[in-house]
C-alpha atoms as a PDB file:
ATOM      1  CA  MET A   1     -33.900  30.298 -23.916  1.00  0.00           C
ATOM      2  CA  PRO A   2     -32.431  30.328 -27.508  1.00  0.00           C
ATOM      3  CA  VAL A   3     -31.871  33.559 -29.410  1.00  0.00           C
ATOM      4  CA  ASP A   4     -32.747  33.801 -33.162  1.00  0.00           C
ATOM      5  CA  PRO A   5     -29.633  35.495 -34.678  1.00  0.00           C
ATOM      6  CA  LEU A   6     -31.416  36.275 -37.983  1.00  0.00           C
ATOM      7  CA  LEU A   7     -34.239  38.144 -36.306  1.00  0.00           C
ATOM      8  CA  SER A   8     -31.787  39.940 -34.149  1.00  0.00           C
ATOM      9  CA  GLN A   9     -29.873  41.025 -37.224  1.00  0.00           C
ATOM     10  CA  TYR A  10     -33.007  42.236 -38.955  1.00  0.00           C
ATOM     11  CA  SER A  11     -33.882  44.209 -35.799  1.00  0.00           C
ATOM     12  CA  ASP A  12     -30.481  45.934 -35.884  1.00  0.00           C
ATOM     13  CA  LEU A  13     -30.892  46.777 -39.582  1.00  0.00           C
ATOM     14  CA  LEU A  14     -34.295  48.300 -38.901  1.00  0.00           C
ATOM     15  CA  PHE A  15     -32.826  50.265 -36.056  1.00  0.00           C
ATOM     16  CA  GLU A  16     -30.157  51.644 -38.332  1.00  0.00           C
ATOM     17  CA  GLY A  17     -32.765  52.476 -40.954  1.00  0.00           C
ATOM     18  CA  THR A  18     -34.784  54.247 -38.327  1.00  0.00           C
ATOM     19  CA  VAL A  19     -31.821  56.485 -37.432  1.00  0.00           C
ATOM     20  CA  VAL A  20     -31.372  57.394 -41.101  1.00  0.00           C
ATOM     21  CA  VAL A  21     -35.020  58.169 -41.612  1.00  0.00           C
ATOM     22  CA  TYR A  22     -35.190  60.319 -38.424  1.00  0.00           C
ATOM     23  CA  LEU A  23     -32.107  62.138 -39.610  1.00  0.00           C
ATOM     24  CA  LEU A  24     -33.757  62.951 -42.969  1.00  0.00           C
ATOM     25  CA  ALA A  25     -36.863  64.073 -41.107  1.00  0.00           C
ATOM     26  CA  MET A  26     -34.785  66.414 -39.027  1.00  0.00           C
ATOM     27  CA  VAL A  27     -33.101  67.861 -42.102  1.00  0.00           C
ATOM     28  CA  PHE A  28     -36.402  68.469 -43.811  1.00  0.00           C
ATOM     29  CA  SER A  29     -37.825  69.941 -40.611  1.00  0.00           C
ATOM     30  CA  ALA A  30     -34.809  72.178 -40.337  1.00  0.00           C
ATOM     31  CA  VAL A  31     -35.303  73.415 -43.925  1.00  0.00           C
ATOM     32  CA  GLU A  32     -38.954  74.119 -43.098  1.00  0.00           C
ATOM     33  CA  TYR A  33     -37.880  76.191 -40.119  1.00  0.00           C
ATOM     34  CA  VAL A  34     -35.235  78.131 -42.021  1.00  0.00           C
ATOM     35  CA  THR A  35     -37.543  78.893 -44.954  1.00  0.00           C
ATOM     36  CA  ALA A  36     -40.587  79.586 -42.710  1.00  0.00           C
ATOM     37  CA  ARG A  37     -40.745  83.211 -43.911  1.00  0.00           C
ATOM     38  CA  GLN A  38     -42.008  81.906 -47.234  1.00  0.00           C
ATOM     39  CA  SER A  39     -44.882  80.081 -45.621  1.00  0.00           C
ATOM     40  CA  THR A  40     -47.295  82.845 -46.521  1.00  0.00           C
ATOM     41  CA  PRO A  41     -47.192  83.222 -50.292  1.00  0.00           C
ATOM     42  CA  ALA A  42     -47.978  86.470 -51.974  1.00  0.00           C
ATOM     43  CA  ALA A  43     -51.595  86.923 -52.778  1.00  0.00           C
ATOM     44  CA  GLU A  44     -52.325  85.967 -56.400  1.00  0.00           C
ATOM     45  CA  PRO A  45     -54.928  87.783 -58.491  1.00  0.00           C
ATOM     46  CA  ALA A  46     -58.197  85.949 -58.526  1.00  0.00           C
ATOM     47  CA  GLU A  47     -59.242  84.366 -61.761  1.00  0.00           C
ATOM     48  CA  VAL A  48     -62.678  85.492 -62.815  1.00  0.00           C
ATOM     49  CA  VAL A  49     -64.699  82.870 -64.621  1.00  0.00           C
ATOM     50  CA  ALA A  50     -67.801  84.162 -66.321  1.00  0.00           C
ATOM     51  CA  VAL A  51     -70.831  82.028 -67.069  1.00  0.00           C
ATOM     52  CA  ALA A  52     -71.372  82.431 -70.762  1.00  0.00           C
ATOM     53  CA  ALA A  53     -74.823  82.957 -72.186  1.00  0.00           C
ATOM     54  CA  THR A  54     -76.089  81.067 -75.163  1.00  0.00           C
ATOM     55  CA  SER A  55     -75.354  84.089 -77.317  1.00  0.00           C
ATOM     56  CA  ALA A  56     -72.399  86.389 -76.942  1.00  0.00           C
ATOM     57  CA  GLU A  57     -74.462  89.440 -77.989  1.00  0.00           C
ATOM     58  CA  PRO A  58     -77.058  90.965 -75.710  1.00  0.00           C
ATOM     59  CA  VAL A  59     -80.679  90.272 -76.770  1.00  0.00           C
ATOM     60  CA  ALA A  60     -82.759  93.418 -77.148  1.00  0.00           C
ATOM     61  CA  VAL A  61     -86.254  93.266 -75.591  1.00  0.00           C
ATOM     62  CA  SER A  62     -88.828  95.687 -76.818  1.00  0.00           C
ATOM     63  CA  GLY A  63     -92.095  96.931 -75.450  1.00  0.00           C
ATOM     64  CA  SER A  64     -93.530  96.979 -72.007  1.00  0.00           C
ATOM     65  CA  ALA A  65     -92.884  93.292 -71.603  1.00  0.00           C
ATOM     66  CA  GLY A  66     -89.215  93.983 -71.976  1.00  0.00           C
ATOM     67  CA  SER A  67     -89.274  96.704 -69.281  1.00  0.00           C
ATOM     68  CA  ALA A  68     -91.395  94.590 -66.976  1.00  0.00           C
ATOM     69  CA  GLY A  69     -89.277  91.508 -67.284  1.00  0.00           C
ATOM     70  CA  SER A  70     -85.892  93.326 -67.262  1.00  0.00           C
ATOM     71  CA  ALA A  71     -85.418  92.686 -63.557  1.00  0.00           C
ATOM     72  CA  ALA A  72     -86.291  89.064 -63.832  1.00  0.00           C
ATOM     73  CA  ASP A  73     -84.128  88.543 -66.903  1.00  0.00           C
ATOM     74  CA  GLU A  74     -81.166  90.354 -65.452  1.00  0.00           C
ATOM     75  CA  ILE A  75     -78.016  88.273 -65.728  1.00  0.00           C
ATOM     76  CA  PRO A  76     -76.501  87.598 -62.270  1.00  0.00           C
ATOM     77  CA  PRO A  77     -72.909  88.780 -61.731  1.00  0.00           C
ATOM     78  CA  PRO A  78     -70.339  86.227 -62.748  1.00  0.00           C
ATOM     79  CA  PRO A  79     -69.027  84.094 -59.854  1.00  0.00           C
ATOM     80  CA  VAL A  80     -65.432  84.605 -58.766  1.00  0.00           C
ATOM     81  CA  ARG A  81     -63.194  81.564 -58.221  1.00  0.00           C
ATOM     82  CA  THR A  82     -60.212  82.076 -55.945  1.00  0.00           C
ATOM     83  CA  PRO A  83     -57.548  79.559 -56.822  1.00  0.00           C
ATOM     84  CA  LYS A  84     -55.997  77.557 -53.969  1.00  0.00           C
ATOM     85  CA  PRO A  85     -52.711  79.142 -52.942  1.00  0.00           C
ATOM     86  CA  GLU A  86     -49.716  77.033 -53.952  1.00  0.00           C
ATOM     87  CA  ARG A  87     -48.021  75.358 -51.080  1.00  0.00           C
ATOM     88  CA  SER A  88     -44.894  77.092 -49.948  1.00  0.00           C
ATOM     89  CA  ARG A  89     -41.511  75.461 -49.933  1.00  0.00           C
ATOM     90  CA  ALA A  90     -41.560  75.435 -46.131  1.00  0.00           C
ATOM     91  CA  ASP A  91     -44.925  73.645 -46.046  1.00  0.00           C
ATOM     92  CA  ARG A  92     -43.784  71.004 -48.520  1.00  0.00           C
ATOM     93  CA  PHE A  93     -40.602  70.267 -46.528  1.00  0.00           C
ATOM     94  CA  GLY A  94     -42.647  70.151 -43.367  1.00  0.00           C
ATOM     95  CA  ARG A  95     -45.076  67.671 -44.789  1.00  0.00           C
ATOM     96  CA  MET A  96     -42.197  65.473 -46.031  1.00  0.00           C
ATOM     97  CA  ALA A  97     -40.679  65.595 -42.517  1.00  0.00           C
ATOM     98  CA  VAL A  98     -43.949  64.316 -40.993  1.00  0.00           C
ATOM     99  CA  SER A  99     -44.196  61.565 -43.657  1.00  0.00           C
ATOM    100  CA  LEU A 100     -40.628  60.478 -42.873  1.00  0.00           C
ATOM    101  CA  THR A 101     -41.437  60.506 -39.170  1.00  0.00           C
ATOM    102  CA  ILE A 102     -44.364  58.153 -39.736  1.00  0.00           C
ATOM    103  CA  LEU A 103     -42.087  55.859 -41.694  1.00  0.00           C
ATOM    104  CA  GLY A 104     -39.395  56.000 -39.068  1.00  0.00           C
ATOM    105  CA  VAL A 105     -41.885  55.136 -36.282  1.00  0.00           C
ATOM    106  CA  LEU A 106     -43.039  52.099 -38.249  1.00  0.00           C
ATOM    107  CA  LEU A 107     -39.419  50.998 -38.792  1.00  0.00           C
ATOM    108  CA  HIS A 108     -38.673  51.700 -35.142  1.00  0.00           C
ATOM    109  CA  LEU A 109     -41.640  49.635 -33.969  1.00  0.00           C
ATOM    110  CA  GLY A 110     -40.512  46.813 -36.246  1.00  0.00           C
ATOM    111  CA  SER A 111     -36.995  46.982 -34.796  1.00  0.00           C
ATOM    112  CA  ILE A 112     -38.274  46.669 -31.196  1.00  0.00           C
ATOM    113  CA  ALA A 113     -40.812  43.933 -32.113  1.00  0.00           C
ATOM    114  CA  LEU A 114     -38.198  41.786 -33.891  1.00  0.00           C
ATOM    115  CA  ARG A 115     -35.803  42.269 -30.938  1.00  0.00           C
ATOM    116  CA  GLY A 116     -38.399  40.787 -28.643  1.00  0.00           C
ATOM    117  CA  LEU A 117     -39.133  37.912 -31.067  1.00  0.00           C
ATOM    118  CA  ALA A 118     -35.430  37.130 -31.403  1.00  0.00           C
ATOM    119  CA  ALA A 119     -34.932  36.859 -27.673  1.00  0.00           C
ATOM    120  CA  GLU A 120     -38.413  35.443 -26.978  1.00  0.00           C
ATOM    121  CA  ARG A 121     -39.069  37.990 -24.216  1.00  0.00           C
ATOM    122  CA  TRP A 122     -40.369  41.483 -23.632  1.00  0.00           C
ATOM    123  CA  PRO A 123     -37.881  43.778 -25.425  1.00  0.00           C
ATOM    124  CA  LEU A 124     -37.039  46.065 -22.451  1.00  0.00           C
ATOM    125  CA  GLY A 125     -34.286  44.060 -20.786  1.00  0.00           C
ATOM    126  CA  ASN A 126     -31.282  46.369 -21.090  1.00  0.00           C
ATOM    127  CA  MET A 127     -30.279  50.006 -21.634  1.00  0.00           C
ATOM    128  CA  TYR A 128     -30.135  49.683 -25.439  1.00  0.00           C
ATOM    129  CA  GLU A 129     -33.731  48.425 -25.655  1.00  0.00           C
ATOM    130  CA  TYR A 130     -34.974  50.765 -22.984  1.00  0.00           C
ATOM    131  CA  THR A 131     -33.456  53.882 -24.653  1.00  0.00           C
ATOM    132  CA  SER A 132     -34.762  52.810 -28.038  1.00  0.00           C
ATOM    133  CA  ALA A 133     -38.252  52.344 -26.651  1.00  0.00           C
ATOM    134  CA  VAL A 134     -38.084  55.762 -24.954  1.00  0.00           C
ATOM    135  CA  CYS A 135     -37.277  57.405 -28.262  1.00  0.00           C
ATOM    136  CA  LEU A 136     -40.174  55.575 -29.894  1.00  0.00           C
ATOM    137  CA  ALA A 137     -42.579  56.773 -27.213  1.00  0.00           C
ATOM    138  CA  ALA A 138     -41.371  60.337 -27.775  1.00  0.00           C
ATOM    139  CA  MET A 139     -41.863  60.194 -31.521  1.00  0.00           C
ATOM    140  CA  VAL A 140     -45.313  58.658 -31.234  1.00  0.00           C
ATOM    141  CA  ALA A 141     -46.220  61.390 -28.766  1.00  0.00           C
ATOM    142  CA  TRP A 142     -44.974  64.003 -31.278  1.00  0.00           C
ATOM    143  CA  LEU A 143     -47.159  62.530 -34.010  1.00  0.00           C
ATOM    144  CA  VAL A 144     -50.167  62.678 -31.749  1.00  0.00           C
ATOM    145  CA  VAL A 145     -49.327  66.306 -30.930  1.00  0.00           C
ATOM    146  CA  LEU A 146     -49.199  67.111 -34.653  1.00  0.00           C
ATOM    147  CA  GLN A 147     -52.502  65.348 -35.291  1.00  0.00           C
ATOM    148  CA  ARG A 148     -54.343  67.043 -32.413  1.00  0.00           C
ATOM    149  CA  GLY A 149     -52.692  70.414 -33.055  1.00  0.00           C
ATOM    150  CA  ALA A 150     -53.487  70.540 -36.806  1.00  0.00           C
ATOM    151  CA  GLY A 151     -55.305  73.763 -37.609  1.00  0.00           C
ATOM    152  CA  ARG A 152     -54.824  75.227 -34.112  1.00  0.00           C
ATOM    153  CA  SER A 153     -51.321  76.492 -34.603  1.00  0.00           C
ATOM    154  CA  ARG A 154     -49.703  76.713 -37.982  1.00  0.00           C
ATOM    155  CA  GLY A 155     -46.286  76.822 -36.446  1.00  0.00           C
ATOM    156  CA  ILE A 156     -46.554  73.776 -34.185  1.00  0.00           C
ATOM    157  CA  ARG A 157     -44.891  71.524 -36.807  1.00  0.00           C
ATOM    158  CA  ARG A 158     -41.787  73.755 -36.788  1.00  0.00           C
ATOM    159  CA  LEU A 159     -40.965  72.417 -33.326  1.00  0.00           C
ATOM    160  CA  GLY A 160     -40.051  69.097 -34.896  1.00  0.00           C
ATOM    161  CA  VAL A 161     -36.430  69.976 -35.581  1.00  0.00           C
ATOM    162  CA  PHE A 162     -35.875  70.628 -31.877  1.00  0.00           C
ATOM    163  CA  LEU A 163     -37.330  67.260 -30.925  1.00  0.00           C
ATOM    164  CA  TYR A 164     -35.551  65.251 -33.585  1.00  0.00           C
ATOM    165  CA  ALA A 165     -32.161  66.458 -32.380  1.00  0.00           C
ATOM    166  CA  PRO A 166     -32.200  65.004 -28.808  1.00  0.00           C
ATOM    167  CA  ILE A 167     -33.972  61.888 -30.105  1.00  0.00           C
ATOM    168  CA  LEU A 168     -31.188  61.302 -32.618  1.00  0.00           C
ATOM    169  CA  VAL A 169     -28.580  61.789 -29.949  1.00  0.00           C
ATOM    170  CA  LEU A 170     -30.271  59.184 -27.761  1.00  0.00           C
ATOM    171  CA  MET A 171     -30.617  56.822 -30.713  1.00  0.00           C
ATOM    172  CA  VAL A 172     -26.928  57.110 -31.642  1.00  0.00           C
ATOM    173  CA  LEU A 173     -25.949  56.541 -28.001  1.00  0.00           C
ATOM    174  CA  ALA A 174     -28.209  53.505 -27.870  1.00  0.00           C
ATOM    175  CA  GLY A 175     -26.798  52.025 -31.045  1.00  0.00           C
ATOM    176  CA  THR A 176     -23.159  52.564 -29.983  1.00  0.00           C
ATOM    177  CA  VAL A 177     -22.370  53.028 -26.320  1.00  0.00           C
ATOM    178  CA  LEU A 178     -25.413  51.200 -24.956  1.00  0.00           C
ATOM    179  CA  TYR A 179     -25.787  48.474 -27.569  1.00  0.00           C
ATOM    180  CA  ALA A 180     -26.108  44.881 -26.279  1.00  0.00           C
ATOM    181  CA  GLN A 181     -26.651  41.691 -28.136  1.00  0.00           C
ATOM    182  CA  ALA A 182     -30.122  40.101 -27.981  1.00  0.00           C
ATOM    183  CA  ALA A 183     -30.038  37.733 -24.981  1.00  0.00           C
ATOM    184  CA  PRO A 184     -32.276  36.436 -22.166  1.00  0.00           C
ATOM    185  CA  VAL A 185     -32.814  38.832 -19.276  1.00  0.00           C
ATOM    186  CA  VAL A 186     -31.177  38.324 -15.856  1.00  0.00           C
ATOM    187  CA  PRO A 187     -33.236  36.236 -13.486  1.00  0.00           C
ATOM    188  CA  ALA A 188     -34.273  39.303 -11.449  1.00  0.00           C
ATOM    189  CA  LEU A 189     -36.173  40.668 -14.469  1.00  0.00           C
ATOM    190  CA  GLN A 190     -37.972  37.434 -15.330  1.00  0.00           C
ATOM    191  CA  SER A 191     -41.297  38.579 -14.048  1.00  0.00           C
ATOM    192  CA  TYR A 192     -44.596  39.871 -15.425  1.00  0.00           C
ATOM    193  CA  TRP A 193     -43.875  43.110 -13.576  1.00  0.00           C
ATOM    194  CA  LEU A 194     -41.268  43.803 -16.245  1.00  0.00           C
ATOM    195  CA  VAL A 195     -44.024  44.299 -18.754  1.00  0.00           C
ATOM    196  CA  ILE A 196     -46.070  46.514 -16.464  1.00  0.00           C
ATOM    197  CA  HIS A 197     -43.463  48.513 -14.552  1.00  0.00           C
ATOM    198  CA  VAL A 198     -40.754  49.039 -17.208  1.00  0.00           C
ATOM    199  CA  THR A 199     -43.232  49.662 -20.004  1.00  0.00           C
ATOM    200  CA  THR A 200     -45.051  52.448 -18.184  1.00  0.00           C
ATOM    201  CA  ILE A 201     -41.733  54.007 -17.068  1.00  0.00           C
ATOM    202  CA  THR A 202     -40.559  53.901 -20.689  1.00  0.00           C
ATOM    203  CA  LEU A 203     -43.745  55.494 -22.034  1.00  0.00           C
ATOM    204  CA  SER A 204     -43.774  58.237 -19.450  1.00  0.00           C
ATOM    205  CA  THR A 205     -40.106  59.012 -19.898  1.00  0.00           C
ATOM    206  CA  GLY A 206     -40.577  59.318 -23.646  1.00  0.00           C
ATOM    207  CA  LEU A 207     -43.550  61.623 -23.151  1.00  0.00           C
ATOM    208  CA  PHE A 208     -41.599  63.845 -20.707  1.00  0.00           C
ATOM    209  CA  ILE A 209     -39.206  64.700 -23.532  1.00  0.00           C
ATOM    210  CA  VAL A 210     -41.808  66.572 -25.469  1.00  0.00           C
ATOM    211  CA  PRO A 211     -42.872  69.023 -22.663  1.00  0.00           C
ATOM    212  CA  GLY A 212     -39.257  69.408 -21.678  1.00  0.00           C
ATOM    213  CA  VAL A 213     -38.345  70.658 -25.198  1.00  0.00           C
ATOM    214  CA  ALA A 214     -41.481  72.729 -25.321  1.00  0.00           C
ATOM    215  CA  SER A 215     -40.598  74.494 -22.007  1.00  0.00           C
ATOM    216  CA  ILE A 216     -37.069  75.249 -23.216  1.00  0.00           C
ATOM    217  CA  LEU A 217     -38.453  76.844 -26.341  1.00  0.00           C
ATOM    218  CA  TYR A 218     -41.085  78.655 -24.323  1.00  0.00           C
ATOM    219  CA  LEU A 219     -38.389  80.364 -22.217  1.00  0.00           C
ATOM    220  CA  MET A 220     -36.435  81.264 -25.382  1.00  0.00           C
ATOM    221  CA  LYS A 221     -39.630  82.737 -26.948  1.00  0.00           C
ATOM    222  CA  ARG A 222     -40.429  84.623 -23.797  1.00  0.00           C
ATOM    223  CA  SER A 223     -36.918  86.159 -23.603  1.00  0.00           C
ATOM    224  CA  GLY A 224     -37.118  87.139 -27.263  1.00  0.00           C
ATOM    225  CA  ARG A 225     -33.532  86.097 -27.853  1.00  0.00           C
ATOM    226  CA  PRO A 226     -32.166  85.524 -30.403  1.00  0.00           C
ATOM    227  CA  ALA A 227     -34.848  87.593 -32.106  1.00  0.00           C
ATOM    228  CA  GLY A 228     -34.583  86.157 -35.591  1.00  0.00           C
ATOM    229  CA  PHE A 229     -34.569  82.617 -34.243  1.00  0.00           C
ATOM    230  CA  VAL A 230     -37.495  82.736 -31.858  1.00  0.00           C
ATOM    231  CA  ALA A 231     -39.694  84.736 -34.243  1.00  0.00           C
ATOM    232  CA  LYS A 232     -40.527  81.611 -36.150  1.00  0.00           C
ATOM    233  CA  LEU A 233     -41.602  79.698 -33.029  1.00  0.00           C
ATOM    234  CA  PRO A 234     -45.254  79.367 -32.128  1.00  0.00           C
ATOM    235  CA  ALA A 235     -46.748  81.787 -29.629  1.00  0.00           C
ATOM    236  CA  GLN A 236     -45.759  81.525 -26.002  1.00  0.00           C
ATOM    237  CA  GLU A 237     -49.241  80.366 -25.033  1.00  0.00           C
ATOM    238  CA  THR A 238     -49.015  77.541 -27.543  1.00  0.00           C
ATOM    239  CA  LEU A 239     -45.694  76.314 -26.231  1.00  0.00           C
ATOM    240  CA  ASP A 240     -46.795  76.582 -22.599  1.00  0.00           C
ATOM    241  CA  ARG A 241     -50.074  74.776 -23.343  1.00  0.00           C
ATOM    242  CA  LEU A 242     -48.176  72.024 -25.181  1.00  0.00           C
ATOM    243  CA  ALA A 243     -45.810  71.512 -22.202  1.00  0.00           C
ATOM    244  CA  TYR A 244     -48.633  71.438 -19.685  1.00  0.00           C
ATOM    245  CA  ARG A 245     -50.970  69.049 -21.560  1.00  0.00           C
ATOM    246  CA  THR A 246     -48.288  66.512 -22.356  1.00  0.00           C
ATOM    247  CA  THR A 247     -47.073  66.539 -18.760  1.00  0.00           C
ATOM    248  CA  VAL A 248     -50.667  66.065 -17.520  1.00  0.00           C
ATOM    249  CA  VAL A 249     -50.745  62.833 -19.651  1.00  0.00           C
ATOM    250  CA  ALA A 250     -47.275  61.639 -18.655  1.00  0.00           C
ATOM    251  CA  PHE A 251     -47.431  62.314 -14.930  1.00  0.00           C
ATOM    252  CA  PRO A 252     -50.201  59.875 -13.971  1.00  0.00           C
ATOM    253  CA  MET A 253     -48.450  57.208 -16.048  1.00  0.00           C
ATOM    254  CA  PHE A 254     -45.185  57.905 -14.229  1.00  0.00           C
ATOM    255  CA  THR A 255     -47.003  57.751 -10.884  1.00  0.00           C
ATOM    256  CA  PHE A 256     -48.526  54.388 -11.816  1.00  0.00           C
ATOM    257  CA  ALA A 257     -45.076  53.112 -12.828  1.00  0.00           C
ATOM    258  CA  VAL A 258     -43.488  54.115  -9.507  1.00  0.00           C
ATOM    259  CA  ILE A 259     -46.242  52.405  -7.549  1.00  0.00           C
ATOM    260  CA  CYS A 260     -45.849  49.215  -9.664  1.00  0.00           C
ATOM    261  CA  GLY A 261     -42.134  49.397  -9.043  1.00  0.00           C
ATOM    262  CA  ALA A 262     -42.732  49.496  -5.287  1.00  0.00           C
ATOM    263  CA  ILE A 263     -44.964  46.487  -5.483  1.00  0.00           C
ATOM    264  CA  TRP A 264     -42.430  44.579  -7.562  1.00  0.00           C
ATOM    265  CA  ALA A 265     -39.671  45.495  -5.080  1.00  0.00           C
ATOM    266  CA  GLU A 266     -41.721  44.067  -2.208  1.00  0.00           C
ATOM    267  CA  ALA A 267     -42.169  40.822  -4.212  1.00  0.00           C
ATOM    268  CA  ALA A 268     -38.463  40.615  -5.235  1.00  0.00           C
ATOM    269  CA  TRP A 269     -36.634  42.112  -2.251  1.00  0.00           C
ATOM    270  CA  GLY A 270     -39.068  41.935   0.567  1.00  0.00           C
ATOM    271  CA  ARG A 271     -39.626  45.687   0.946  1.00  0.00           C
ATOM    272  CA  PHE A 272     -41.620  48.329  -0.907  1.00  0.00           C
ATOM    273  CA  TRP A 273     -38.959  51.046  -0.709  1.00  0.00           C
ATOM    274  CA  GLY A 274     -35.324  50.893   0.139  1.00  0.00           C
ATOM    275  CA  TRP A 275     -33.942  54.231  -1.070  1.00  0.00           C
ATOM    276  CA  ASP A 276     -32.006  52.570  -3.850  1.00  0.00           C
ATOM    277  CA  PRO A 277     -30.355  55.244  -6.014  1.00  0.00           C
ATOM    278  CA  LYS A 278     -32.762  54.718  -8.887  1.00  0.00           C
ATOM    279  CA  GLU A 279     -35.758  54.715  -6.524  1.00  0.00           C
ATOM    280  CA  THR A 280     -34.513  57.889  -4.914  1.00  0.00           C
ATOM    281  CA  VAL A 281     -34.042  59.770  -8.171  1.00  0.00           C
ATOM    282  CA  ALA A 282     -37.351  58.519  -9.480  1.00  0.00           C
ATOM    283  CA  PHE A 283     -39.039  59.945  -6.322  1.00  0.00           C
ATOM    284  CA  ILE A 284     -37.241  63.254  -6.833  1.00  0.00           C
ATOM    285  CA  SER A 285     -38.474  63.334 -10.481  1.00  0.00           C
ATOM    286  CA  TRP A 286     -42.033  62.637  -9.181  1.00  0.00           C
ATOM    287  CA  VAL A 287     -41.790  65.466  -6.693  1.00  0.00           C
ATOM    288  CA  VAL A 288     -40.462  67.903  -9.332  1.00  0.00           C
ATOM    289  CA  TYR A 289     -43.224  67.090 -11.835  1.00  0.00           C
ATOM    290  CA  ALA A 290     -45.856  67.340  -9.111  1.00  0.00           C
ATOM    291  CA  ALA A 291     -44.397  70.772  -8.206  1.00  0.00           C
ATOM    292  CA  TYR A 292     -44.601  71.755 -11.918  1.00  0.00           C
ATOM    293  CA  LEU A 293     -48.298  70.930 -12.164  1.00  0.00           C
ATOM    294  CA  HIS A 294     -48.944  72.741  -8.856  1.00  0.00           C
ATOM    295  CA  ALA A 295     -46.932  75.734 -10.078  1.00  0.00           C
ATOM    296  CA  ARG A 296     -48.739  75.731 -13.383  1.00  0.00           C
ATOM    297  CA  ALA A 297     -52.029  76.174 -11.519  1.00  0.00           C
ATOM    298  CA  THR A 298     -50.700  78.822  -9.133  1.00  0.00           C
ATOM    299  CA  ALA A 299     -50.830  82.538  -9.944  1.00  0.00           C
ATOM    300  CA  GLY A 300     -47.381  84.015 -10.194  1.00  0.00           C
ATOM    301  CA  TRP A 301     -45.797  80.654 -10.892  1.00  0.00           C
ATOM    302  CA  ARG A 302     -47.537  79.462 -13.993  1.00  0.00           C
ATOM    303  CA  HIS A 303     -45.274  81.009 -16.612  1.00  0.00           C
ATOM    304  CA  ALA A 304     -41.451  81.111 -16.503  1.00  0.00           C
ATOM    305  CA  PRO A 305     -41.057  79.605 -12.983  1.00  0.00           C
ATOM    306  CA  ALA A 306     -43.208  76.573 -13.934  1.00  0.00           C
ATOM    307  CA  ALA A 307     -41.252  76.160 -17.196  1.00  0.00           C
ATOM    308  CA  TRP A 308     -37.960  76.074 -15.297  1.00  0.00           C
ATOM    309  CA  ILE A 309     -39.427  73.428 -12.953  1.00  0.00           C
ATOM    310  CA  ASN A 310     -40.454  71.348 -15.913  1.00  0.00           C
ATOM    311  CA  ILE A 311     -36.903  71.518 -17.368  1.00  0.00           C
ATOM    312  CA  VAL A 312     -35.524  70.425 -14.005  1.00  0.00           C
ATOM    313  CA  GLY A 313     -37.919  67.479 -14.113  1.00  0.00           C
ATOM    314  CA  LEU A 314     -36.603  66.441 -17.532  1.00  0.00           C
ATOM    315  CA  ALA A 315     -33.022  66.772 -16.283  1.00  0.00           C
ATOM    316  CA  THR A 316     -33.776  64.442 -13.346  1.00  0.00           C
ATOM    317  CA  VAL A 317     -35.300  61.871 -15.728  1.00  0.00           C
ATOM    318  CA  ILE A 318     -32.308  61.954 -18.080  1.00  0.00           C
ATOM    319  CA  PHE A 319     -29.907  61.707 -15.056  1.00  0.00           C
ATOM    320  CA  ASN A 320     -31.809  58.670 -13.767  1.00  0.00           C
ATOM    321  CA  LEU A 321     -31.793  57.164 -17.210  1.00  0.00           C
ATOM    322  CA  PHE A 322     -28.009  57.374 -17.826  1.00  0.00           C
ATOM    323  CA  PHE A 323     -25.907  58.310 -14.777  1.00  0.00           C
ATOM    324  CA  VAL A 324     -27.748  56.160 -12.209  1.00  0.00           C
ATOM    325  CA  ASN A 325     -27.849  53.129 -14.497  1.00  0.00           C
ATOM    326  CA  MET A 326     -24.271  53.387 -15.802  1.00  0.00           C
ATOM    327  CA  VAL A 327     -22.283  54.925 -12.974  1.00  0.00           C
ATOM    328  CA  ILE A 328     -23.956  54.279  -9.601  1.00  0.00           C
ATOM    329  CA  ALA A 329     -24.169  50.714  -8.400  1.00  0.00           C
ATOM    330  CA  GLY A 330     -27.517  49.648  -7.027  1.00  0.00           C
ATOM    331  CA  LEU A 331     -30.213  46.977  -7.136  1.00  0.00           C
ATOM    332  CA  HIS A 332     -31.392  48.469 -10.471  1.00  0.00           C
ATOM    333  CA  SER A 333     -28.053  48.001 -12.291  1.00  0.00           C
ATOM    334  CA  TYR A 334     -29.435  46.110 -15.248  1.00  0.00           C
ATOM    335  CA  ALA A 335     -27.845  48.221 -17.971  1.00  0.00           C
ATOM    336  CA  GLY A 336     -26.480  45.195 -19.782  1.00  0.00           C
ATOM    337  CA  LEU A 337     -23.316  47.022 -20.769  1.00  0.00           C
ATOM    338  CA  GLY A 338     -20.924  44.259 -19.636  1.00  0.00           C
END
């Protein structure tokens, strides 16, 4: 299967552009967070606009007709127009960060699409492509959170800087340590199950990053330390709700991916489950996230204990993503690192 080197080069350029745009978005988001105290501008005096009469002088009305019609002819009080408050510096930087994120997602999607077109296959065949797609899933999830959370919590956008940071770390690792040239996949991955199993694993892994970050910030907000830092975070309830709702979306997807992996294993290796290192850690991740959802619905566990369980779940997912693929030998050793 031939590889188009030109499309592959364009894919790499778009990937590099994505990293730059995400970095700028993180900088603007950081400025928003630092200047968040200015997000509520001082109240400005309202500008009173009077409706002028045809004559500037009052018209004298004589006789009983004047007294009888005085109530009807009484001029209503002038309306008051309150000017729209000027957007604060923090708000402007926050909006620019969101705009850059949208641009970065489009570039990111183009990079992955061109990678697939260059190799004429589904672009999830090695660790570079997989990690890149995980980051894309996380950023799309963040944009959905922003869209659905608009108007509910004014501070939800300030979480962006804490999400951009790990995403940028993963992107840099993908583009350096994990990078692999576009090439056909190994024979073991030449199956339609690659599209189903690996795609759903990728999406759920990207989604799990958002609640993991939210749970970390929730625990920091709950502890109140450092005071000046956590004061700008959204309320504890907002962070906890964000972590729970995104996990509720990601967990069924992850469950479906594990089931599809078992079916693919039976077709490829003749058994549904063999306790391969990646299978084992994936099962541990599933148990941890199931425990989180159970703890979140259990009195006495739904706050800090549940948040800690959620963080452990993210740690197992990251461990499975890197350590198992790159260090431990197994049937899932398709990192493509050479």
